[in-house]
Amino acid sequence: EFNKFHDKVQENVKKVADLASKLSPEAKEAYEKITKLEKEKHDIMHSLSDKAQEELLEVFRQKHMKPL
């Protein structure tokens, strides 16, 4: 099971890298900035206590809910 999951993850990573490599210079620059921001968000979240992480995750869930 894990090997199947790992293979799917690796396949997705390769697909994303392939798509990113084909971006126009303008889009590639924006993609790199957004990727950097996502990593920074991840680092910030992991520097917080579990309680603070849970609080923020709840806010993000509400923020990204799609209205019915």
Foldseek 3Di string as FASTA:
>chain_A
DVVVVVVVVVVVVVVVVVVLVPDDPVVNVVVVVVVVVVVVVVVVLVVDDPVVNVVVVVVVCVVPDDDD
